[in-house]
PDB file of N, CA and C in Angstrom:
ATOM      1  N   MET A   1       0.864  -1.181   0.000  1.00  0.00           N
ATOM      2  CA  MET A   1       0.000   0.000   0.000  1.00  0.00           C
ATOM      3  C   MET A   1       0.902   1.233   0.000  1.00  0.00           C
ATOM      4  N   ASN A   2       0.634   2.154  -0.910  1.00  0.00           N
ATOM      5  CA  ASN A   2       1.463   3.362  -0.927  1.00  0.00           C
ATOM      6  C   ASN A   2       0.932   4.411   0.047  1.00  0.00           C
ATOM      7  N   ARG A   3       1.663   5.501   0.159  1.00  0.00           N
ATOM      8  CA  ARG A   3       1.340   6.541   1.152  1.00  0.00           C
ATOM      9  C   ARG A   3      -0.030   7.172   0.930  1.00  0.00           C
ATOM     10  N   THR A   4      -0.403   7.366  -0.321  1.00  0.00           N
ATOM     11  CA  THR A   4      -1.679   8.025  -0.587  1.00  0.00           C
ATOM     12  C   THR A   4      -2.844   7.142  -0.163  1.00  0.00           C
ATOM     13  N   TRP A   5      -2.777   5.853  -0.483  1.00  0.00           N
ATOM     14  CA  TRP A   5      -3.842   4.948  -0.040  1.00  0.00           C
ATOM     15  C   TRP A   5      -3.834   4.807   1.474  1.00  0.00           C
ATOM     16  N   PHE A   6      -2.660   4.808   2.077  1.00  0.00           N
ATOM     17  CA  PHE A   6      -2.578   4.765   3.530  1.00  0.00           C
ATOM     18  C   PHE A   6      -3.274   5.993   4.124  1.00  0.00           C
ATOM     19  N   ALA A   7      -3.100   7.153   3.484  1.00  0.00           N
ATOM     20  CA  ALA A   7      -3.758   8.376   3.947  1.00  0.00           C
ATOM     21  C   ALA A   7      -5.279   8.235   3.896  1.00  0.00           C
ATOM     22  N   VAL A   8      -5.796   7.586   2.863  1.00  0.00           N
ATOM     23  CA  VAL A   8      -7.249   7.371   2.766  1.00  0.00           C
ATOM     24  C   VAL A   8      -7.723   6.503   3.926  1.00  0.00           C
ATOM     25  N   VAL A   9      -6.965   5.465   4.258  1.00  0.00           N
ATOM     26  CA  VAL A   9      -7.325   4.593   5.381  1.00  0.00           C
ATOM     27  C   VAL A   9      -7.296   5.378   6.695  1.00  0.00           C
ATOM     28  N   VAL A  10      -6.275   6.212   6.883  1.00  0.00           N
ATOM     29  CA  VAL A  10      -6.187   7.041   8.093  1.00  0.00           C
ATOM     30  C   VAL A  10      -7.381   7.991   8.168  1.00  0.00           C
ATOM     31  N   ALA A  11      -7.728   8.615   7.043  1.00  0.00           N
ATOM     32  CA  ALA A  11      -8.887   9.513   7.015  1.00  0.00           C
ATOM     33  C   ALA A  11     -10.159   8.762   7.408  1.00  0.00           C
ATOM     34  N   ALA A  12     -10.295   7.536   6.923  1.00  0.00           N
ATOM     35  CA  ALA A  12     -11.478   6.738   7.254  1.00  0.00           C
ATOM     36  C   ALA A  12     -11.509   6.392   8.741  1.00  0.00           C
ATOM     37  N   LEU A  13     -10.345   6.122   9.331  1.00  0.00           N
ATOM     38  CA  LEU A  13     -10.304   5.838  10.771  1.00  0.00           C
ATOM     39  C   LEU A  13     -10.749   7.056  11.578  1.00  0.00           C
ATOM     40  N   PHE A  14     -10.297   8.232  11.159  1.00  0.00           N
ATOM     41  CA  PHE A  14     -10.755   9.448  11.842  1.00  0.00           C
ATOM     42  C   PHE A  14     -12.244   9.679  11.601  1.00  0.00           C
ATOM     43  N   GLU A  15     -12.741   9.255  10.426  1.00  0.00           N
ATOM     44  CA  GLU A  15     -14.176   9.370  10.176  1.00  0.00           C
ATOM     45  C   GLU A  15     -14.965   8.538  11.178  1.00  0.00           C
ATOM     46  N   VAL A  16     -14.504   7.328  11.431  1.00  0.00           N
ATOM     47  CA  VAL A  16     -15.162   6.481  12.429  1.00  0.00           C
ATOM     48  C   VAL A  16     -15.207   7.212  13.770  1.00  0.00           C
ATOM     49  N   GLY A  17     -14.096   7.841  14.127  1.00  0.00           N
ATOM     50  CA  GLY A  17     -14.042   8.585  15.391  1.00  0.00           C
ATOM     51  C   GLY A  17     -15.045   9.707  15.466  1.00  0.00           C
ATOM     52  N   TRP A  18     -15.162  10.506  14.381  1.00  0.00           N
ATOM     53  CA  TRP A  18     -16.082  11.633  14.489  1.00  0.00           C
ATOM     54  C   TRP A  18     -17.540  11.210  14.376  1.00  0.00           C
ATOM     55  N   VAL A  19     -17.811  10.147  13.623  1.00  0.00           N
ATOM     56  CA  VAL A  19     -19.204   9.678  13.554  1.00  0.00           C
ATOM     57  C   VAL A  19     -19.642   9.165  14.919  1.00  0.00           C
ATOM     58  N   ILE A  20     -18.786   8.402  15.560  1.00  0.00           N
ATOM     59  CA  ILE A  20     -19.110   7.921  16.912  1.00  0.00           C
ATOM     60  C   ILE A  20     -19.209   9.103  17.876  1.00  0.00           C
ATOM     61  N   GLY A  21     -18.319  10.089  17.724  1.00  0.00           N
ATOM     62  CA  GLY A  21     -18.362  11.275  18.569  1.00  0.00           C
ATOM     63  C   GLY A  21     -19.666  12.042  18.428  1.00  0.00           C
ATOM     64  N   LEU A  22     -20.164  12.144  17.190  1.00  0.00           N
ATOM     65  CA  LEU A  22     -21.434  12.855  16.994  1.00  0.00           C
ATOM     66  C   LEU A  22     -22.572  12.189  17.763  1.00  0.00           C
ATOM     67  N   LYS A  23     -22.517  10.884  17.888  1.00  0.00           N
ATOM     68  CA  LYS A  23     -23.584  10.171  18.586  1.00  0.00           C
ATOM     69  C   LYS A  23     -23.371  10.117  20.094  1.00  0.00           C
ATOM     70  N   HIS A  24     -22.110   9.956  20.513  1.00  0.00           N
ATOM     71  CA  HIS A  24     -21.856   9.638  21.915  1.00  0.00           C
ATOM     72  C   HIS A  24     -21.181  10.736  22.734  1.00  0.00           C
ATOM     73  N   ALA A  25     -20.741  11.829  22.123  1.00  0.00           N
ATOM     74  CA  ALA A  25     -20.054  12.884  22.884  1.00  0.00           C
ATOM     75  C   ALA A  25     -21.014  13.511  23.891  1.00  0.00           C
ATOM     76  N   THR A  26     -20.514  13.666  25.133  1.00  0.00           N
ATOM     77  CA  THR A  26     -21.368  14.201  26.194  1.00  0.00           C
ATOM     78  C   THR A  26     -20.749  15.369  26.947  1.00  0.00           C
ATOM     79  N   ASN A  27     -19.475  15.670  26.674  1.00  0.00           N
ATOM     80  CA  ASN A  27     -18.859  16.798  27.370  1.00  0.00           C
ATOM     81  C   ASN A  27     -17.971  17.575  26.394  1.00  0.00           C
ATOM     82  N   ALA A  28     -17.438  18.682  26.860  1.00  0.00           N
ATOM     83  CA  ALA A  28     -16.675  19.572  25.985  1.00  0.00           C
ATOM     84  C   ALA A  28     -15.454  18.881  25.381  1.00  0.00           C
ATOM     85  N   TRP A  29     -14.728  18.080  26.168  1.00  0.00           N
ATOM     86  CA  TRP A  29     -13.521  17.419  25.645  1.00  0.00           C
ATOM     87  C   TRP A  29     -13.867  16.418  24.556  1.00  0.00           C
ATOM     88  N   GLU A  30     -14.964  15.696  24.734  1.00  0.00           N
ATOM     89  CA  GLU A  30     -15.383  14.747  23.704  1.00  0.00           C
ATOM     90  C   GLU A  30     -15.809  15.475  22.427  1.00  0.00           C
ATOM     91  N   TRP A  31     -16.462  16.626  22.584  1.00  0.00           N
ATOM     92  CA  TRP A  31     -16.846  17.413  21.404  1.00  0.00           C
ATOM     93  C   TRP A  31     -15.620  18.010  20.723  1.00  0.00           C
ATOM     94  N   ILE A  32     -14.633  18.427  21.489  1.00  0.00           N
ATOM     95  CA  ILE A  32     -13.387  18.933  20.899  1.00  0.00           C
ATOM     96  C   ILE A  32     -12.698  17.812  20.120  1.00  0.00           C
ATOM     97  N   GLY A  33     -12.667  16.616  20.692  1.00  0.00           N
ATOM     98  CA  GLY A  33     -12.100  15.459  19.986  1.00  0.00           C
ATOM     99  C   GLY A  33     -12.855  15.148  18.705  1.00  0.00           C
ATOM    100  N   THR A  34     -14.171  15.265  18.747  1.00  0.00           N
ATOM    101  CA  THR A  34     -14.993  15.028  17.570  1.00  0.00           C
ATOM    102  C   THR A  34     -14.687  16.050  16.477  1.00  0.00           C
ATOM    103  N   ILE A  35     -14.589  17.318  16.856  1.00  0.00           N
ATOM    104  CA  ILE A  35     -14.279  18.375  15.882  1.00  0.00           C
ATOM    105  C   ILE A  35     -12.876  18.180  15.314  1.00  0.00           C
ATOM    106  N   LEU A  36     -11.942  17.794  16.151  1.00  0.00           N
ATOM    107  CA  LEU A  36     -10.582  17.522  15.684  1.00  0.00           C
ATOM    108  C   LEU A  36     -10.582  16.347  14.695  1.00  0.00           C
ATOM    109  N   ALA A  37     -11.334  15.300  15.005  1.00  0.00           N
ATOM    110  CA  ALA A  37     -11.417  14.136  14.110  1.00  0.00           C
ATOM    111  C   ALA A  37     -12.033  14.520  12.765  1.00  0.00           C
ATOM    112  N   ILE A  38     -13.058  15.372  12.772  1.00  0.00           N
ATOM    113  CA  ILE A  38     -13.663  15.848  11.523  1.00  0.00           C
ATOM    114  C   ILE A  38     -12.613  16.589  10.698  1.00  0.00           C
ATOM    115  N   THR A  39     -11.888  17.483  11.349  1.00  0.00           N
ATOM    116  CA  THR A  39     -10.884  18.298  10.660  1.00  0.00           C
ATOM    117  C   THR A  39      -9.795  17.428  10.045  1.00  0.00           C
ATOM    118  N   VAL A  40      -9.234  16.528  10.835  1.00  0.00           N
ATOM    119  CA  VAL A  40      -8.166  15.653  10.335  1.00  0.00           C
ATOM    120  C   VAL A  40      -8.689  14.761   9.218  1.00  0.00           C
ATOM    121  N   SER A  41      -9.850  14.184   9.417  1.00  0.00           N
ATOM    122  CA  SER A  41     -10.431  13.276   8.440  1.00  0.00           C
ATOM    123  C   SER A  41     -10.575  13.937   7.071  1.00  0.00           C
ATOM    124  N   PHE A  42     -11.199  15.102   7.046  1.00  0.00           N
ATOM    125  CA  PHE A  42     -11.430  15.756   5.763  1.00  0.00           C
ATOM    126  C   PHE A  42     -10.146  16.318   5.161  1.00  0.00           C
ATOM    127  N   TYR A  43      -9.244  16.818   5.984  1.00  0.00           N
ATOM    128  CA  TYR A  43      -7.974  17.331   5.467  1.00  0.00           C
ATOM    129  C   TYR A  43      -7.183  16.216   4.773  1.00  0.00           C
ATOM    130  N   VAL A  44      -7.054  15.086   5.445  1.00  0.00           N
ATOM    131  CA  VAL A  44      -6.291  13.975   4.881  1.00  0.00           C
ATOM    132  C   VAL A  44      -6.972  13.447   3.619  1.00  0.00           C
ATOM    133  N   MET A  45      -8.295  13.367   3.631  1.00  0.00           N
ATOM    134  CA  MET A  45      -9.019  12.909   2.439  1.00  0.00           C
ATOM    135  C   MET A  45      -8.797  13.870   1.274  1.00  0.00           C
ATOM    136  N   ILE A  46      -8.856  15.160   1.521  1.00  0.00           N
ATOM    137  CA  ILE A  46      -8.649  16.160   0.470  1.00  0.00           C
ATOM    138  C   ILE A  46      -7.233  16.053  -0.090  1.00  0.00           C
ATOM    139  N   MET A  47      -6.244  15.859   0.772  1.00  0.00           N
ATOM    140  CA  MET A  47      -4.861  15.711   0.305  1.00  0.00           C
ATOM    141  C   MET A  47      -4.711  14.460  -0.562  1.00  0.00           C
ATOM    142  N   ALA A  48      -5.358  13.370  -0.188  1.00  0.00           N
ATOM    143  CA  ALA A  48      -5.297  12.146  -0.990  1.00  0.00           C
ATOM    144  C   ALA A  48      -5.946  12.365  -2.356  1.00  0.00           C
ATOM    145  N   GLY A  49      -6.987  13.206  -2.386  1.00  0.00           N
ATOM    146  CA  GLY A  49      -7.676  13.505  -3.643  1.00  0.00           C
ATOM    147  C   GLY A  49      -6.822  14.272  -4.640  1.00  0.00           C
ATOM    148  N   LYS A  50      -5.696  14.791  -4.190  1.00  0.00           N
ATOM    149  CA  LYS A  50      -4.780  15.478  -5.112  1.00  0.00           C
ATOM    150  C   LYS A  50      -3.962  14.490  -5.933  1.00  0.00           C
ATOM    151  N   LYS A  51      -3.853  13.246  -5.460  1.00  0.00           N
ATOM    152  CA  LYS A  51      -3.061  12.229  -6.156  1.00  0.00           C
ATOM    153  C   LYS A  51      -3.913  11.110  -6.754  1.00  0.00           C
ATOM    154  N   LEU A  52      -5.111  10.949  -6.245  1.00  0.00           N
ATOM    155  CA  LEU A  52      -6.013   9.895  -6.714  1.00  0.00           C
ATOM    156  C   LEU A  52      -7.301  10.534  -7.198  1.00  0.00           C
ATOM    157  N   PRO A  53      -8.058   9.832  -8.039  1.00  0.00           N
ATOM    158  CA  PRO A  53      -9.351  10.382  -8.468  1.00  0.00           C
ATOM    159  C   PRO A  53     -10.264  10.636  -7.262  1.00  0.00           C
ATOM    160  N   VAL A  54     -10.838  11.810  -7.226  1.00  0.00           N
ATOM    161  CA  VAL A  54     -11.635  12.232  -6.069  1.00  0.00           C
ATOM    162  C   VAL A  54     -12.814  11.290  -5.820  1.00  0.00           C
ATOM    163  N   GLY A  55     -13.485  10.869  -6.866  1.00  0.00           N
ATOM    164  CA  GLY A  55     -14.625   9.966  -6.691  1.00  0.00           C
ATOM    165  C   GLY A  55     -14.226   8.659  -6.040  1.00  0.00           C
ATOM    166  N   THR A  56     -13.086   8.133  -6.453  1.00  0.00           N
ATOM    167  CA  THR A  56     -12.595   6.883  -5.869  1.00  0.00           C
ATOM    168  C   THR A  56     -12.187   7.090  -4.419  1.00  0.00           C
ATOM    169  N   VAL A  57     -11.480   8.190  -4.149  1.00  0.00           N
ATOM    170  CA  VAL A  57     -11.072   8.490  -2.769  1.00  0.00           C
ATOM    171  C   VAL A  57     -12.308   8.588  -1.881  1.00  0.00           C
ATOM    172  N   TYR A  58     -13.315   9.300  -2.333  1.00  0.00           N
ATOM    173  CA  TYR A  58     -14.512   9.481  -1.523  1.00  0.00           C
ATOM    174  C   TYR A  58     -15.236   8.153  -1.307  1.00  0.00           C
ATOM    175  N   ALA A  59     -15.355   7.342  -2.354  1.00  0.00           N
ATOM    176  CA  ALA A  59     -16.035   6.052  -2.223  1.00  0.00           C
ATOM    177  C   ALA A  59     -15.313   5.140  -1.230  1.00  0.00           C
ATOM    178  N   VAL A  60     -13.990   5.092  -1.318  1.00  0.00           N
ATOM    179  CA  VAL A  60     -13.212   4.256  -0.402  1.00  0.00           C
ATOM    180  C   VAL A  60     -13.299   4.817   1.018  1.00  0.00           C
ATOM    181  N   PHE A  61     -13.183   6.123   1.160  1.00  0.00           N
ATOM    182  CA  PHE A  61     -13.287   6.799   2.452  1.00  0.00           C
ATOM    183  C   PHE A  61     -14.623   6.469   3.129  1.00  0.00           C
ATOM    184  N   VAL A  62     -15.701   6.638   2.408  1.00  0.00           N
ATOM    185  CA  VAL A  62     -17.029   6.388   2.976  1.00  0.00           C
ATOM    186  C   VAL A  62     -17.238   4.898   3.244  1.00  0.00           C
ATOM    187  N   GLY A  63     -16.786   4.051   2.322  1.00  0.00           N
ATOM    188  CA  GLY A  63     -16.946   2.610   2.515  1.00  0.00           C
ATOM    189  C   GLY A  63     -16.221   2.106   3.752  1.00  0.00           C
ATOM    190  N   LEU A  64     -14.956   2.495   3.884  1.00  0.00           N
ATOM    191  CA  LEU A  64     -14.194   2.081   5.066  1.00  0.00           C
ATOM    192  C   LEU A  64     -14.765   2.703   6.338  1.00  0.00           C
ATOM    193  N   GLY A  65     -15.169   3.961   6.253  1.00  0.00           N
ATOM    194  CA  GLY A  65     -15.764   4.626   7.411  1.00  0.00           C
ATOM    195  C   GLY A  65     -17.059   3.959   7.850  1.00  0.00           C
ATOM    196  N   THR A  66     -17.869   3.586   6.879  1.00  0.00           N
ATOM    197  CA  THR A  66     -19.138   2.907   7.187  1.00  0.00           C
ATOM    198  C   THR A  66     -18.873   1.559   7.849  1.00  0.00           C
ATOM    199  N   ALA A  67     -17.982   0.774   7.248  1.00  0.00           N
ATOM    200  CA  ALA A  67     -17.658  -0.539   7.815  1.00  0.00           C
ATOM    201  C   ALA A  67     -17.092  -0.382   9.227  1.00  0.00           C
ATOM    202  N   GLY A  68     -16.179   0.564   9.396  1.00  0.00           N
ATOM    203  CA  GLY A  68     -15.576   0.789  10.711  1.00  0.00           C
ATOM    204  C   GLY A  68     -16.574   1.246  11.755  1.00  0.00           C
ATOM    205  N   THR A  69     -17.497   2.099  11.347  1.00  0.00           N
ATOM    206  CA  THR A  69     -18.499   2.596  12.285  1.00  0.00           C
ATOM    207  C   THR A  69     -19.442   1.481  12.727  1.00  0.00           C
ATOM    208  N   VAL A  70     -19.912   0.675  11.782  1.00  0.00           N
ATOM    209  CA  VAL A  70     -20.823  -0.428  12.122  1.00  0.00           C
ATOM    210  C   VAL A  70     -20.113  -1.428  13.043  1.00  0.00           C
ATOM    211  N   LEU A  71     -18.874  -1.782  12.694  1.00  0.00           N
ATOM    212  CA  LEU A  71     -18.137  -2.727  13.530  1.00  0.00           C
ATOM    213  C   LEU A  71     -17.844  -2.139  14.916  1.00  0.00           C
ATOM    214  N   SER A  72     -17.509  -0.860  14.987  1.00  0.00           N
ATOM    215  CA  SER A  72     -17.252  -0.213  16.275  1.00  0.00           C
ATOM    216  C   SER A  72     -18.489  -0.202  17.151  1.00  0.00           C
ATOM    217  N   GLU A  73     -19.631   0.070  16.547  1.00  0.00           N
ATOM    218  CA  GLU A  73     -20.880   0.047  17.321  1.00  0.00           C
ATOM    219  C   GLU A  73     -21.126  -1.346  17.891  1.00  0.00           C
ATOM    220  N   MET A  74     -20.817  -2.383  17.101  1.00  0.00           N
ATOM    221  CA  MET A  74     -21.006  -3.754  17.593  1.00  0.00           C
ATOM    222  C   MET A  74     -20.017  -4.080  18.713  1.00  0.00           C
ATOM    223  N   ILE A  75     -18.765  -3.676  18.534  1.00  0.00           N
ATOM    224  CA  ILE A  75     -17.710  -4.041  19.484  1.00  0.00           C
ATOM    225  C   ILE A  75     -17.777  -3.220  20.766  1.00  0.00           C
ATOM    226  N   PHE A  76     -17.941  -1.905  20.638  1.00  0.00           N
ATOM    227  CA  PHE A  76     -17.815  -1.017  21.792  1.00  0.00           C
ATOM    228  C   PHE A  76     -19.135  -0.565  22.420  1.00  0.00           C
ATOM    229  N   PHE A  77     -20.228  -0.645  21.662  1.00  0.00           N
ATOM    230  CA  PHE A  77     -21.486  -0.082  22.165  1.00  0.00           C
ATOM    231  C   PHE A  77     -22.635  -1.088  22.161  1.00  0.00           C
ATOM    232  N   ASN A  78     -22.298  -2.368  22.145  1.00  0.00           N
ATOM    233  CA  ASN A  78     -23.274  -3.451  22.305  1.00  0.00           C
ATOM    234  C   ASN A  78     -24.384  -3.469  21.267  1.00  0.00           C
ATOM    235  N   GLU A  79     -24.104  -2.977  20.080  1.00  0.00           N
ATOM    236  CA  GLU A  79     -25.049  -3.130  18.967  1.00  0.00           C
ATOM    237  C   GLU A  79     -25.128  -4.630  18.665  1.00  0.00           C
ATOM    238  N   PRO A  80     -26.340  -5.159  18.440  1.00  0.00           N
ATOM    239  CA  PRO A  80     -26.450  -6.599  18.168  1.00  0.00           C
ATOM    240  C   PRO A  80     -25.632  -7.004  16.927  1.00  0.00           C
ATOM    241  N   ILE A  81     -24.926  -8.117  17.050  1.00  0.00           N
ATOM    242  CA  ILE A  81     -24.160  -8.646  15.923  1.00  0.00           C
ATOM    243  C   ILE A  81     -25.106  -9.483  15.070  1.00  0.00           C
ATOM    244  N   GLN A  82     -25.192  -9.093  13.796  1.00  0.00           N
ATOM    245  CA  GLN A  82     -26.049  -9.817  12.862  1.00  0.00           C
ATOM    246  C   GLN A  82     -25.203 -10.322  11.700  1.00  0.00           C
ATOM    247  N   ILE A  83     -25.375 -11.595  11.370  1.00  0.00           N
ATOM    248  CA  ILE A  83     -24.601 -12.205  10.290  1.00  0.00           C
ATOM    249  C   ILE A  83     -24.823 -11.456   8.981  1.00  0.00           C
ATOM    250  N   VAL A  84     -26.040 -11.041   8.711  1.00  0.00           N
ATOM    251  CA  VAL A  84     -26.328 -10.323   7.464  1.00  0.00           C
ATOM    252  C   VAL A  84     -25.519  -9.029   7.395  1.00  0.00           C
ATOM    253  N   LYS A  85     -25.439  -8.290   8.500  1.00  0.00           N
ATOM    254  CA  LYS A  85     -24.636  -7.058   8.530  1.00  0.00           C
ATOM    255  C   LYS A  85     -23.173  -7.358   8.242  1.00  0.00           C
ATOM    256  N   LEU A  86     -22.641  -8.408   8.858  1.00  0.00           N
ATOM    257  CA  LEU A  86     -21.243  -8.764   8.650  1.00  0.00           C
ATOM    258  C   LEU A  86     -20.987  -9.158   7.192  1.00  0.00           C
ATOM    259  N   LEU A  87     -21.910  -9.899   6.604  1.00  0.00           N
ATOM    260  CA  LEU A  87     -21.761 -10.283   5.192  1.00  0.00           C
ATOM    261  C   LEU A  87     -21.809  -9.060   4.280  1.00  0.00           C
ATOM    262  N   LEU A  88     -22.697  -8.133   4.572  1.00  0.00           N
ATOM    263  CA  LEU A  88     -22.791  -6.913   3.758  1.00  0.00           C
ATOM    264  C   LEU A  88     -21.555  -6.029   3.933  1.00  0.00           C
ATOM    265  N   ILE A  89     -20.999  -5.973   5.132  1.00  0.00           N
ATOM    266  CA  ILE A  89     -19.749  -5.245   5.339  1.00  0.00           C
ATOM    267  C   ILE A  89     -18.638  -5.899   4.517  1.00  0.00           C
ATOM    268  N   GLY A  90     -18.603  -7.231   4.512  1.00  0.00           N
ATOM    269  CA  GLY A  90     -17.621  -7.951   3.695  1.00  0.00           C
ATOM    270  C   GLY A  90     -17.765  -7.615   2.225  1.00  0.00           C
ATOM    271  N   LEU A  91     -18.997  -7.570   1.731  1.00  0.00           N
ATOM    272  CA  LEU A  91     -19.257  -7.207   0.334  1.00  0.00           C
ATOM    273  C   LEU A  91     -18.808  -5.776   0.053  1.00  0.00           C
ATOM    274  N   LEU A  92     -19.090  -4.890   0.988  1.00  0.00           N
ATOM    275  CA  LEU A  92     -18.657  -3.499   0.860  1.00  0.00           C
ATOM    276  C   LEU A  92     -17.136  -3.413   0.773  1.00  0.00           C
ATOM    277  N   LEU A  93     -16.445  -4.158   1.617  1.00  0.00           N
ATOM    278  CA  LEU A  93     -14.985  -4.140   1.609  1.00  0.00           C
ATOM    279  C   LEU A  93     -14.414  -4.735   0.326  1.00  0.00           C
ATOM    280  N   VAL A  94     -15.084  -5.731  -0.246  1.00  0.00           N
ATOM    281  CA  VAL A  94     -14.656  -6.276  -1.539  1.00  0.00           C
ATOM    282  C   VAL A  94     -14.717  -5.173  -2.596  1.00  0.00           C
ATOM    283  N   GLY A  95     -15.776  -4.378  -2.589  1.00  0.00           N
ATOM    284  CA  GLY A  95     -15.886  -3.262  -3.533  1.00  0.00           C
ATOM    285  C   GLY A  95     -14.813  -2.215  -3.316  1.00  0.00           C
ATOM    286  N   VAL A  96     -14.524  -1.896  -2.069  1.00  0.00           N
ATOM    287  CA  VAL A  96     -13.490  -0.911  -1.744  1.00  0.00           C
ATOM    288  C   VAL A  96     -12.121  -1.408  -2.221  1.00  0.00           C
ATOM    289  N   ILE A  97     -11.817  -2.670  -1.953  1.00  0.00           N
ATOM    290  CA  ILE A  97     -10.539  -3.238  -2.391  1.00  0.00           C
ATOM    291  C   ILE A  97     -10.468  -3.255  -3.915  1.00  0.00           C
ATOM    292  N   GLY A  98     -11.585  -3.589  -4.557  1.00  0.00           N
ATOM    293  CA  GLY A  98     -11.622  -3.564  -6.015  1.00  0.00           C
ATOM    294  C   GLY A  98     -11.339  -2.183  -6.581  1.00  0.00           C
ATOM    295  N   LEU A  99     -11.922  -1.158  -5.992  1.00  0.00           N
ATOM    296  CA  LEU A  99     -11.648   0.215  -6.435  1.00  0.00           C
ATOM    297  C   LEU A  99     -10.175   0.554  -6.276  1.00  0.00           C
ATOM    298  N   LYS A 100      -9.595   0.144  -5.169  1.00  0.00           N
ATOM    299  CA  LYS A 100      -8.180   0.418  -4.934  1.00  0.00           C
ATOM    300  C   LYS A 100      -7.316  -0.271  -5.985  1.00  0.00           C
ATOM    301  N   LEU A 101      -7.656  -1.501  -6.338  1.00  0.00           N
ATOM    302  CA  LEU A 101      -6.851  -2.268  -7.281  1.00  0.00           C
ATOM    303  C   LEU A 101      -6.901  -1.714  -8.701  1.00  0.00           C
ATOM    304  N   VAL A 102      -8.013  -1.097  -9.084  1.00  0.00           N
ATOM    305  CA  VAL A 102      -8.130  -0.611 -10.463  1.00  0.00           C
ATOM    306  C   VAL A 102      -7.818   0.871 -10.614  1.00  0.00           C
ATOM    307  N   THR A 103      -7.458   1.539  -9.527  1.00  0.00           N
ATOM    308  CA  THR A 103      -7.188   2.978  -9.569  1.00  0.00           C
ATOM    309  C   THR A 103      -5.691   3.235  -9.537  1.00  0.00           C
ATOM    310  N   LYS A 104      -5.232   4.039 -10.480  1.00  0.00           N
ATOM    311  CA  LYS A 104      -3.816   4.406 -10.549  1.00  0.00           C
ATOM    312  C   LYS A 104      -3.603   5.775  -9.913  1.00  0.00           C
ATOM    313  N   GLU A 105      -2.488   5.910  -9.207  1.00  0.00           N
ATOM    314  CA  GLU A 105      -2.111   7.192  -8.611  1.00  0.00           C
ATOM    315  C   GLU A 105      -1.518   8.076  -9.700  1.00  0.00           C
ATOM    316  N   THR A 106      -1.805   9.363  -9.627  1.00  0.00           N
ATOM    317  CA  THR A 106      -1.233  10.314 -10.597  1.00  0.00           C
ATOM    318  C   THR A 106      -0.190  11.175  -9.908  1.00  0.00           C
ATOM    319  N   SER A 107       0.719  11.695 -10.678  1.00  0.00           N
ATOM    320  CA  SER A 107       1.715  12.603 -10.104  1.00  0.00           C
ATOM    321  C   SER A 107       1.281  14.045 -10.233  1.00  0.00           C
ATOM    322  N   GLU A 108       0.151  14.270 -10.884  1.00  0.00           N
ATOM    323  CA  GLU A 108      -0.342  15.626 -11.098  1.00  0.00           C
ATOM    324  C   GLU A 108      -1.151  16.074  -9.895  1.00  0.00           C
ATOM    325  N   GLY A 109      -1.075  17.341  -9.605  1.00  0.00           N
ATOM    326  CA  GLY A 109      -1.843  17.912  -8.508  1.00  0.00           C
ATOM    327  C   GLY A 109      -3.147  18.483  -9.018  1.00  0.00           C
ATOM    328  N   VAL A 110      -3.885  19.157  -8.167  1.00  0.00           N
ATOM    329  CA  VAL A 110      -5.138  19.784  -8.524  1.00  0.00           C
ATOM    330  C   VAL A 110      -4.866  20.893  -9.531  1.00  0.00           C
ATOM    331  N   GLY A 111      -5.670  20.932 -10.573  1.00  0.00           N
ATOM    332  CA  GLY A 111      -5.536  21.986 -11.573  1.00  0.00           C
ATOM    333  C   GLY A 111      -4.473  21.716 -12.612  1.00  0.00           C
ATOM    334  N   SER A 112      -3.841  20.556 -12.572  1.00  0.00           N
ATOM    335  CA  SER A 112      -2.796  20.255 -13.561  1.00  0.00           C
ATOM    336  C   SER A 112      -3.386  19.613 -14.784  1.00  0.00           C
TER     337      SER A 112
END
């Protein structure tokens, strides 16, 4: 995995953090963490979009974020584990991996 794809994964991890924060934050420090996660998530995603097609970056970002959020809710917040959900997350991840495999990184920046 190259640095740009790694950045997309990092952005998705921060997305999981801010989505969970939006639901579960109860005090000022948790809200500050949520706002920080939003900022980092979108900044890193935007930077990755300078080297990869924006549509692909966004699809992978949202797909990984969705999978991570659903799994986090099951693991940390006692959301019921359903086999159908796990299978659909697996299907989603197959699509995300497929997008990564067919997308080439460019050396051109925005506006080039």
